[in-house]
Amino acid sequence: MPKMELASLWILTAVTIAAVSCKKESGGASKQKTKTELLATGSWKRTGLTATPAYDWYGDGTYATNLLSVMKVCDSDNFDSYKSDGTGVTDEGQTRCDESDPQAWPFVWEFADNETKLVFDYFAEYTLVELTETTLKFRSTFEKNGVTYTIDETYSH
């Protein structure tokens, strides 16, 4: 093969390899998921629930900041699943506090304020603290007997 043809073949091969490599990198790069896509991926189980200041979750005189530590198993084993159409389901998990309660019940959700808040069933509003592939954290506040409580909830899957 003449030198000119061999050089052309090498150049063509190098250009082809470079083009395929570049295309693979740009085509293979993972697109960042939207908040809706992150939320609608899998089921979310509560892994953290804290109150500041300490709160009496069941109204039985037991105040705690780590509310998961005082929750009944039937309340703490629930999990939520979100769908991208703005609906979701809360499942009671393995145990139900009242056997006559349904195993699961629906809810609606939406983002508000430029996706910085989650609104459930059109009225319960939570500030979105973190949303990643594996972690969902949101915060709410309420007042009871003149005390303002901040509740931080963490969910994982």
N, C-alpha and C. Protein backbone atom coordinates (compact mmCIF):
# COMPACT_ATOMS: atom_id res chain seq x y z
N MET A 1 0.85 -1.17 0.00
CA MET A 1 0.00 0.00 0.00
C MET A 1 0.90 1.23 0.00
N PRO A 2 0.65 2.16 -0.87
CA PRO A 2 1.49 3.36 -0.91
C PRO A 2 1.37 4.16 0.39
N LYS A 3 2.44 4.92 0.68
CA LYS A 3 2.50 5.69 1.92
C LYS A 3 1.32 6.65 2.05
N MET A 4 0.93 7.28 0.95
CA MET A 4 -0.16 8.26 0.98
C MET A 4 -1.47 7.58 1.38
N GLU A 5 -1.76 6.40 0.81
CA GLU A 5 -2.99 5.68 1.14
C GLU A 5 -2.95 5.21 2.59
N LEU A 6 -1.79 4.73 3.04
CA LEU A 6 -1.63 4.26 4.41
C LEU A 6 -1.84 5.41 5.40
N ALA A 7 -1.27 6.56 5.09
CA ALA A 7 -1.44 7.74 5.95
C ALA A 7 -2.91 8.16 5.98
N SER A 8 -3.56 8.14 4.82
CA SER A 8 -4.99 8.50 4.76
C SER A 8 -5.82 7.53 5.57
N LEU A 9 -5.49 6.24 5.49
CA LEU A 9 -6.22 5.22 6.24
C LEU A 9 -6.05 5.44 7.74
N TRP A 10 -4.83 5.76 8.18
CA TRP A 10 -4.59 6.03 9.60
C TRP A 10 -5.35 7.26 10.06
N ILE A 11 -5.36 8.30 9.26
CA ILE A 11 -6.08 9.52 9.61
C ILE A 11 -7.57 9.25 9.69
N LEU A 12 -8.10 8.51 8.71
CA LEU A 12 -9.52 8.18 8.71
C LEU A 12 -9.89 7.34 9.94
N THR A 13 -9.02 6.39 10.28
CA THR A 13 -9.26 5.55 11.46
C THR A 13 -9.23 6.40 12.73
N ALA A 14 -8.26 7.29 12.86
CA ALA A 14 -8.14 8.14 14.04
C ALA A 14 -9.35 9.07 14.17
N VAL A 15 -9.78 9.64 13.06
CA VAL A 15 -10.93 10.54 13.07
C VAL A 15 -12.20 9.76 13.47
N THR A 16 -12.34 8.55 12.93
CA THR A 16 -13.51 7.72 13.24
C THR A 16 -13.53 7.37 14.73
N ILE A 17 -12.39 6.96 15.26
CA ILE A 17 -12.31 6.62 16.68
C ILE A 17 -12.62 7.84 17.53
N ALA A 18 -12.08 8.98 17.17
CA ALA A 18 -12.33 10.21 17.94
C ALA A 18 -13.81 10.59 17.88
N ALA A 19 -14.41 10.46 16.71
CA ALA A 19 -15.82 10.82 16.57
C ALA A 19 -16.71 9.89 17.38
N VAL A 20 -16.42 8.60 17.33
CA VAL A 20 -17.21 7.63 18.10
C VAL A 20 -17.02 7.87 19.59
N SER A 21 -15.80 8.14 20.02
CA SER A 21 -15.53 8.40 21.44
C SER A 21 -16.27 9.64 21.91
N CYS A 22 -16.22 10.70 21.14
CA CYS A 22 -16.90 11.93 21.55
C CYS A 22 -18.40 11.72 21.60
N LYS A 23 -18.93 11.04 20.61
CA LYS A 23 -20.36 10.80 20.56
C LYS A 23 -20.79 9.96 21.74
N LYS A 24 -19.99 8.95 22.09
CA LYS A 24 -20.34 8.08 23.20
C LYS A 24 -20.33 8.87 24.51
N GLU A 25 -19.35 9.74 24.69
CA GLU A 25 -19.28 10.54 25.91
C GLU A 25 -20.49 11.45 26.04
N SER A 26 -20.80 12.18 24.96
CA SER A 26 -21.92 13.11 25.07
C SER A 26 -23.25 12.37 25.12
N GLY A 27 -23.39 11.28 24.39
CA GLY A 27 -24.63 10.52 24.39
C GLY A 27 -24.78 9.70 25.65
N GLY A 28 -23.67 9.28 26.27
CA GLY A 28 -23.71 8.43 27.45
C GLY A 28 -23.81 9.21 28.75
N ALA A 29 -23.61 10.51 28.67
CA ALA A 29 -23.68 11.31 29.89
C ALA A 29 -25.09 11.27 30.45
N SER A 30 -25.20 11.04 31.74
CA SER A 30 -26.53 10.93 32.33
C SER A 30 -27.13 12.32 32.52
N LYS A 31 -28.37 12.44 32.09
CA LYS A 31 -29.11 13.69 32.22
C LYS A 31 -29.54 13.83 33.68
N GLN A 32 -29.39 15.02 34.22
CA GLN A 32 -29.81 15.26 35.59
C GLN A 32 -31.32 15.12 35.68
N LYS A 33 -31.79 14.35 36.67
CA LYS A 33 -33.22 14.12 36.83
C LYS A 33 -33.90 15.35 37.41
N THR A 34 -35.15 15.52 37.02
CA THR A 34 -35.95 16.61 37.58
C THR A 34 -36.37 16.21 39.00
N LYS A 35 -36.86 17.16 39.74
CA LYS A 35 -37.33 16.85 41.10
C LYS A 35 -38.51 15.89 41.05
N THR A 36 -39.36 16.04 40.07
CA THR A 36 -40.49 15.11 39.93
C THR A 36 -39.98 13.70 39.67
N GLU A 37 -39.00 13.56 38.79
CA GLU A 37 -38.44 12.23 38.51
C GLU A 37 -37.79 11.64 39.75
N LEU A 38 -37.07 12.45 40.51
CA LEU A 38 -36.44 11.96 41.75
C LEU A 38 -37.49 11.50 42.75
N LEU A 39 -38.53 12.28 42.91
CA LEU A 39 -39.57 11.97 43.88
C LEU A 39 -40.35 10.72 43.49
N ALA A 40 -40.57 10.53 42.19
CA ALA A 40 -41.40 9.44 41.70
C ALA A 40 -40.62 8.14 41.47
N THR A 41 -39.41 8.06 41.97
CA THR A 41 -38.60 6.86 41.81
C THR A 41 -38.63 6.03 43.08
N GLY A 42 -39.38 4.94 43.07
CA GLY A 42 -39.41 4.01 44.20
C GLY A 42 -40.24 4.50 45.38
N SER A 43 -40.25 3.69 46.41
CA SER A 43 -40.99 3.99 47.64
C SER A 43 -40.07 4.67 48.65
N TRP A 44 -40.64 5.57 49.43
CA TRP A 44 -39.89 6.32 50.43
C TRP A 44 -40.34 5.89 51.82
N LYS A 45 -39.37 5.44 52.62
CA LYS A 45 -39.64 5.04 54.01
C LYS A 45 -39.06 6.10 54.94
N ARG A 46 -39.82 6.47 55.95
CA ARG A 46 -39.34 7.48 56.90
C ARG A 46 -38.18 6.91 57.70
N THR A 47 -37.06 7.62 57.70
CA THR A 47 -35.87 7.20 58.43
C THR A 47 -35.47 8.21 59.49
N GLY A 48 -36.14 9.34 59.51
CA GLY A 48 -35.86 10.34 60.53
C GLY A 48 -37.07 11.23 60.74
N LEU A 49 -37.35 11.54 62.00
CA LEU A 49 -38.45 12.44 62.34
C LEU A 49 -38.07 13.13 63.64
N THR A 50 -37.77 14.42 63.55
CA THR A 50 -37.34 15.14 64.74
C THR A 50 -38.22 16.38 64.96
N ALA A 51 -38.31 16.76 66.22
CA ALA A 51 -39.08 17.94 66.61
C ALA A 51 -38.19 18.87 67.41
N THR A 52 -38.31 20.15 67.13
CA THR A 52 -37.61 21.17 67.90
C THR A 52 -38.62 22.23 68.29
N PRO A 53 -38.88 22.46 69.57
CA PRO A 53 -38.39 21.70 70.73
C PRO A 53 -39.07 20.32 70.81
N ALA A 54 -38.74 19.59 71.86
CA ALA A 54 -39.33 18.26 72.06
C ALA A 54 -40.85 18.34 72.01
N TYR A 55 -41.46 17.32 71.44
CA TYR A 55 -42.91 17.31 71.22
C TYR A 55 -43.52 16.02 71.76
N ASP A 56 -44.74 16.11 72.24
CA ASP A 56 -45.49 14.96 72.77
C ASP A 56 -46.33 14.37 71.62
N TRP A 57 -45.76 13.44 70.86
CA TRP A 57 -46.35 12.90 69.64
C TRP A 57 -47.73 12.29 69.86
N TYR A 58 -47.89 11.51 70.93
CA TYR A 58 -49.15 10.83 71.19
C TYR A 58 -50.02 11.52 72.25
N GLY A 59 -49.55 12.64 72.78
CA GLY A 59 -50.32 13.34 73.80
C GLY A 59 -50.41 12.58 75.12
N ASP A 60 -49.37 11.77 75.39
CA ASP A 60 -49.38 10.95 76.61
C ASP A 60 -48.36 11.42 77.64
N GLY A 61 -47.81 12.63 77.44
CA GLY A 61 -46.85 13.17 78.40
C GLY A 61 -45.40 12.82 78.10
N THR A 62 -45.15 12.06 77.02
CA THR A 62 -43.78 11.69 76.64
C THR A 62 -43.30 12.66 75.56
N TYR A 63 -42.38 13.54 75.94
CA TYR A 63 -41.82 14.51 75.01
C TYR A 63 -40.51 13.98 74.47
N ALA A 64 -40.28 14.18 73.17
CA ALA A 64 -39.04 13.71 72.55
C ALA A 64 -38.69 14.61 71.38
N THR A 65 -37.40 14.72 71.11
CA THR A 65 -36.96 15.39 69.89
C THR A 65 -36.83 14.37 68.77
N ASN A 66 -36.38 13.15 69.09
CA ASN A 66 -36.33 12.06 68.10
C ASN A 66 -37.67 11.33 68.16
N LEU A 67 -38.60 11.76 67.33
CA LEU A 67 -39.95 11.22 67.40
C LEU A 67 -40.02 9.76 66.94
N LEU A 68 -39.11 9.34 66.08
CA LEU A 68 -39.10 7.92 65.68
C LEU A 68 -38.86 7.01 66.88
N SER A 69 -38.13 7.50 67.87
CA SER A 69 -37.81 6.67 69.04
C SER A 69 -39.03 6.42 69.92
N VAL A 70 -40.07 7.24 69.79
CA VAL A 70 -41.27 7.05 70.61
C VAL A 70 -42.47 6.57 69.80
N MET A 71 -42.30 6.48 68.50
CA MET A 71 -43.42 6.06 67.65
C MET A 71 -43.67 4.57 67.75
N LYS A 72 -44.94 4.21 67.65
CA LYS A 72 -45.32 2.79 67.57
C LYS A 72 -44.86 2.25 66.23
N VAL A 73 -44.51 0.97 66.19
CA VAL A 73 -44.07 0.34 64.95
C VAL A 73 -45.12 0.50 63.86
N CYS A 74 -46.39 0.40 64.25
CA CYS A 74 -47.47 0.49 63.25
C CYS A 74 -47.52 1.87 62.59
N ASP A 75 -46.96 2.89 63.24
CA ASP A 75 -46.89 4.22 62.63
C ASP A 75 -45.57 4.44 61.89
N SER A 76 -44.52 3.82 62.36
CA SER A 76 -43.19 4.10 61.80
C SER A 76 -42.81 3.22 60.61
N ASP A 77 -43.60 2.18 60.31
CA ASP A 77 -43.23 1.31 59.19
C ASP A 77 -43.95 1.66 57.89
N ASN A 78 -44.68 2.76 57.88
CA ASN A 78 -45.38 3.19 56.67
C ASN A 78 -44.39 3.66 55.61
N PHE A 79 -44.81 3.64 54.36
CA PHE A 79 -43.99 4.19 53.28
C PHE A 79 -44.88 4.84 52.24
N ASP A 80 -44.29 5.79 51.53
CA ASP A 80 -45.01 6.58 50.53
C ASP A 80 -44.43 6.32 49.14
N SER A 81 -45.31 6.32 48.16
CA SER A 81 -44.91 6.22 46.75
C SER A 81 -45.55 7.37 46.00
N TYR A 82 -44.73 8.09 45.26
CA TYR A 82 -45.18 9.24 44.49
C TYR A 82 -45.20 8.88 43.01
N LYS A 83 -46.18 9.40 42.30
CA LYS A 83 -46.24 9.23 40.85
C LYS A 83 -46.03 10.59 40.21
N SER A 84 -45.50 10.58 39.01
CA SER A 84 -45.18 11.84 38.33
C SER A 84 -46.43 12.63 37.94
N ASP A 85 -47.60 12.02 38.02
CA ASP A 85 -48.84 12.74 37.68
C ASP A 85 -49.41 13.53 38.85
N GLY A 86 -48.69 13.61 39.97
CA GLY A 86 -49.14 14.37 41.12
C GLY A 86 -50.01 13.59 42.09
N THR A 87 -50.03 12.29 41.96
CA THR A 87 -50.76 11.44 42.90
C THR A 87 -49.75 10.57 43.64
N GLY A 88 -50.21 9.96 44.70
CA GLY A 88 -49.34 9.06 45.45
C GLY A 88 -50.16 8.16 46.35
N VAL A 89 -49.46 7.26 47.03
CA VAL A 89 -50.11 6.31 47.92
C VAL A 89 -49.26 6.18 49.18
N THR A 90 -49.92 6.23 50.34
CA THR A 90 -49.27 5.89 51.60
C THR A 90 -49.69 4.47 51.93
N ASP A 91 -48.71 3.62 52.20
CA ASP A 91 -48.96 2.22 52.55
C ASP A 91 -48.65 2.03 54.03
N GLU A 92 -49.49 1.30 54.72
CA GLU A 92 -49.33 1.06 56.16
C GLU A 92 -48.12 0.19 56.50
N GLY A 93 -47.50 -0.41 55.51
CA GLY A 93 -46.36 -1.28 55.80
C GLY A 93 -46.82 -2.61 56.36
N GLN A 94 -45.96 -3.26 57.11
CA GLN A 94 -46.26 -4.60 57.62
C GLN A 94 -47.28 -4.61 58.75
N THR A 95 -47.39 -3.50 59.47
CA THR A 95 -48.32 -3.48 60.60
C THR A 95 -49.26 -2.29 60.48
N ARG A 96 -50.50 -2.49 60.92
CA ARG A 96 -51.48 -1.42 60.97
C ARG A 96 -51.88 -1.22 62.42
N CYS A 97 -52.03 0.02 62.83
CA CYS A 97 -52.44 0.31 64.21
C CYS A 97 -53.87 -0.15 64.46
N ASP A 98 -54.69 -0.08 63.44
CA ASP A 98 -56.08 -0.52 63.54
C ASP A 98 -56.34 -1.41 62.33
N GLU A 99 -56.62 -2.66 62.58
CA GLU A 99 -56.82 -3.62 61.49
C GLU A 99 -57.96 -3.24 60.55
N SER A 100 -58.88 -2.39 61.01
CA SER A 100 -59.98 -1.97 60.14
C SER A 100 -59.55 -0.85 59.18
N ASP A 101 -58.36 -0.26 59.41
CA ASP A 101 -57.86 0.76 58.50
C ASP A 101 -57.45 0.12 57.18
N PRO A 102 -57.56 0.86 56.09
CA PRO A 102 -57.10 0.31 54.80
C PRO A 102 -55.58 0.12 54.81
N GLN A 103 -55.11 -0.80 54.01
CA GLN A 103 -53.67 -1.03 53.88
C GLN A 103 -52.98 0.19 53.27
N ALA A 104 -53.67 0.84 52.34
CA ALA A 104 -53.08 1.99 51.65
C ALA A 104 -54.17 3.02 51.36
N TRP A 105 -53.74 4.28 51.24
CA TRP A 105 -54.68 5.33 50.88
C TRP A 105 -53.99 6.34 49.99
N PRO A 106 -54.75 6.94 49.08
CA PRO A 106 -54.16 7.86 48.10
C PRO A 106 -53.99 9.27 48.66
N PHE A 107 -53.10 10.01 48.02
CA PHE A 107 -52.95 11.43 48.29
C PHE A 107 -52.58 12.12 46.99
N VAL A 108 -52.71 13.42 46.96
CA VAL A 108 -52.23 14.22 45.83
C VAL A 108 -51.11 15.12 46.33
N TRP A 109 -50.21 15.43 45.45
CA TRP A 109 -49.08 16.28 45.82
C TRP A 109 -48.76 17.19 44.65
N GLU A 110 -48.05 18.29 44.97
CA GLU A 110 -47.55 19.19 43.95
C GLU A 110 -46.39 20.00 44.53
N PHE A 111 -45.55 20.46 43.64
CA PHE A 111 -44.50 21.40 44.05
C PHE A 111 -45.09 22.80 44.03
N ALA A 112 -44.56 23.67 44.87
CA ALA A 112 -44.96 25.08 44.90
C ALA A 112 -43.72 25.93 45.09
N ASP A 113 -43.87 27.23 44.87
CA ASP A 113 -42.78 28.20 45.06
C ASP A 113 -41.48 27.75 44.39
N ASN A 114 -41.56 27.55 43.08
CA ASN A 114 -40.38 27.19 42.29
C ASN A 114 -39.74 25.89 42.78
N GLU A 115 -40.57 24.92 43.11
CA GLU A 115 -40.16 23.59 43.57
C GLU A 115 -39.37 23.61 44.87
N THR A 116 -39.64 24.59 45.73
CA THR A 116 -38.99 24.64 47.04
C THR A 116 -39.93 24.13 48.14
N LYS A 117 -41.19 23.86 47.77
CA LYS A 117 -42.17 23.37 48.74
C LYS A 117 -42.94 22.21 48.14
N LEU A 118 -43.35 21.31 49.03
CA LEU A 118 -44.25 20.22 48.66
C LEU A 118 -45.58 20.49 49.32
N VAL A 119 -46.65 20.37 48.56
CA VAL A 119 -47.99 20.57 49.08
C VAL A 119 -48.75 19.25 48.93
N PHE A 120 -49.32 18.78 50.04
CA PHE A 120 -50.06 17.52 50.03
C PHE A 120 -51.54 17.81 50.20
N ASP A 121 -52.35 17.13 49.41
CA ASP A 121 -53.80 17.23 49.48
C ASP A 121 -54.28 18.68 49.50
N TYR A 122 -53.60 19.52 48.75
CA TYR A 122 -53.96 20.91 48.48
C TYR A 122 -53.80 21.87 49.66
N PHE A 123 -53.37 21.40 50.83
CA PHE A 123 -53.27 22.35 51.94
C PHE A 123 -52.05 22.15 52.83
N ALA A 124 -51.55 20.95 53.01
CA ALA A 124 -50.42 20.71 53.92
C ALA A 124 -49.13 21.05 53.18
N GLU A 125 -48.46 22.11 53.62
CA GLU A 125 -47.28 22.62 52.92
C GLU A 125 -46.00 22.35 53.72
N TYR A 126 -45.01 21.82 53.03
CA TYR A 126 -43.72 21.48 53.64
C TYR A 126 -42.60 22.12 52.83
N THR A 127 -41.59 22.62 53.51
CA THR A 127 -40.41 23.17 52.83
C THR A 127 -39.49 22.01 52.45
N LEU A 128 -39.12 21.96 51.18
CA LEU A 128 -38.23 20.92 50.69
C LEU A 128 -36.80 21.28 51.07
N VAL A 129 -36.17 20.45 51.88
CA VAL A 129 -34.82 20.70 52.36
C VAL A 129 -33.80 20.00 51.46
N GLU A 130 -34.10 18.77 51.05
CA GLU A 130 -33.18 17.99 50.22
C GLU A 130 -33.96 16.96 49.43
N LEU A 131 -33.58 16.77 48.17
CA LEU A 131 -34.16 15.73 47.33
C LEU A 131 -33.08 15.21 46.41
N THR A 132 -32.65 13.97 46.65
CA THR A 132 -31.63 13.33 45.82
C THR A 132 -32.16 11.96 45.39
N GLU A 133 -31.32 11.18 44.74
CA GLU A 133 -31.70 9.83 44.32
C GLU A 133 -32.13 8.97 45.51
N THR A 134 -31.57 9.22 46.69
CA THR A 134 -31.82 8.33 47.83
C THR A 134 -32.39 9.02 49.07
N THR A 135 -32.48 10.34 49.07
CA THR A 135 -32.91 11.06 50.27
C THR A 135 -33.95 12.13 49.94
N LEU A 136 -35.00 12.15 50.77
CA LEU A 136 -36.03 13.17 50.71
C LEU A 136 -36.14 13.76 52.11
N LYS A 137 -35.93 15.07 52.22
CA LYS A 137 -36.06 15.74 53.52
C LYS A 137 -36.96 16.95 53.35
N PHE A 138 -37.92 17.08 54.26
CA PHE A 138 -38.72 18.29 54.27
C PHE A 138 -39.02 18.71 55.69
N ARG A 139 -39.45 19.96 55.83
CA ARG A 139 -39.64 20.60 57.13
C ARG A 139 -41.00 21.28 57.17
N SER A 140 -41.58 21.25 58.35
CA SER A 140 -42.83 21.98 58.57
C SER A 140 -42.79 22.60 59.95
N THR A 141 -43.64 23.57 60.17
CA THR A 141 -43.77 24.19 61.49
C THR A 141 -45.24 24.30 61.83
N PHE A 142 -45.51 24.26 63.11
CA PHE A 142 -46.87 24.49 63.58
C PHE A 142 -46.80 25.03 64.99
N GLU A 143 -47.88 25.64 65.43
CA GLU A 143 -47.95 26.19 66.77
C GLU A 143 -49.00 25.44 67.57
N LYS A 144 -48.65 25.13 68.81
CA LYS A 144 -49.59 24.47 69.71
C LYS A 144 -49.36 25.03 71.11
N ASN A 145 -50.42 25.51 71.74
CA ASN A 145 -50.35 26.08 73.08
C ASN A 145 -49.27 27.15 73.20
N GLY A 146 -49.15 27.98 72.16
CA GLY A 146 -48.20 29.08 72.18
C GLY A 146 -46.76 28.70 71.88
N VAL A 147 -46.51 27.43 71.57
CA VAL A 147 -45.15 26.96 71.26
C VAL A 147 -45.09 26.65 69.76
N THR A 148 -44.06 27.17 69.09
CA THR A 148 -43.86 26.86 67.67
C THR A 148 -42.90 25.68 67.56
N TYR A 149 -43.36 24.64 66.88
CA TYR A 149 -42.57 23.42 66.69
C TYR A 149 -42.09 23.35 65.24
N THR A 150 -40.86 22.89 65.08
CA THR A 150 -40.31 22.61 63.76
C THR A 150 -40.15 21.10 63.66
N ILE A 151 -40.74 20.52 62.63
CA ILE A 151 -40.67 19.08 62.41
C ILE A 151 -39.84 18.84 61.15
N ASP A 152 -38.79 18.05 61.29
CA ASP A 152 -37.95 17.65 60.15
C ASP A 152 -38.18 16.17 59.88
N GLU A 153 -38.54 15.87 58.64
CA GLU A 153 -38.79 14.50 58.23
C GLU A 153 -37.77 14.10 57.17
N THR A 154 -37.22 12.89 57.33
CA THR A 154 -36.27 12.34 56.37
C THR A 154 -36.80 11.00 55.89
N TYR A 155 -36.74 10.80 54.58
CA TYR A 155 -37.16 9.56 53.96
C TYR A 155 -36.03 9.03 53.07
N SER A 156 -35.96 7.72 52.97
CA SER A 156 -34.93 7.09 52.14
C SER A 156 -35.53 5.93 51.38
N HIS A 157 -34.79 5.50 50.36
CA HIS A 157 -35.14 4.26 49.68
C HIS A 157 -33.93 3.61 49.10
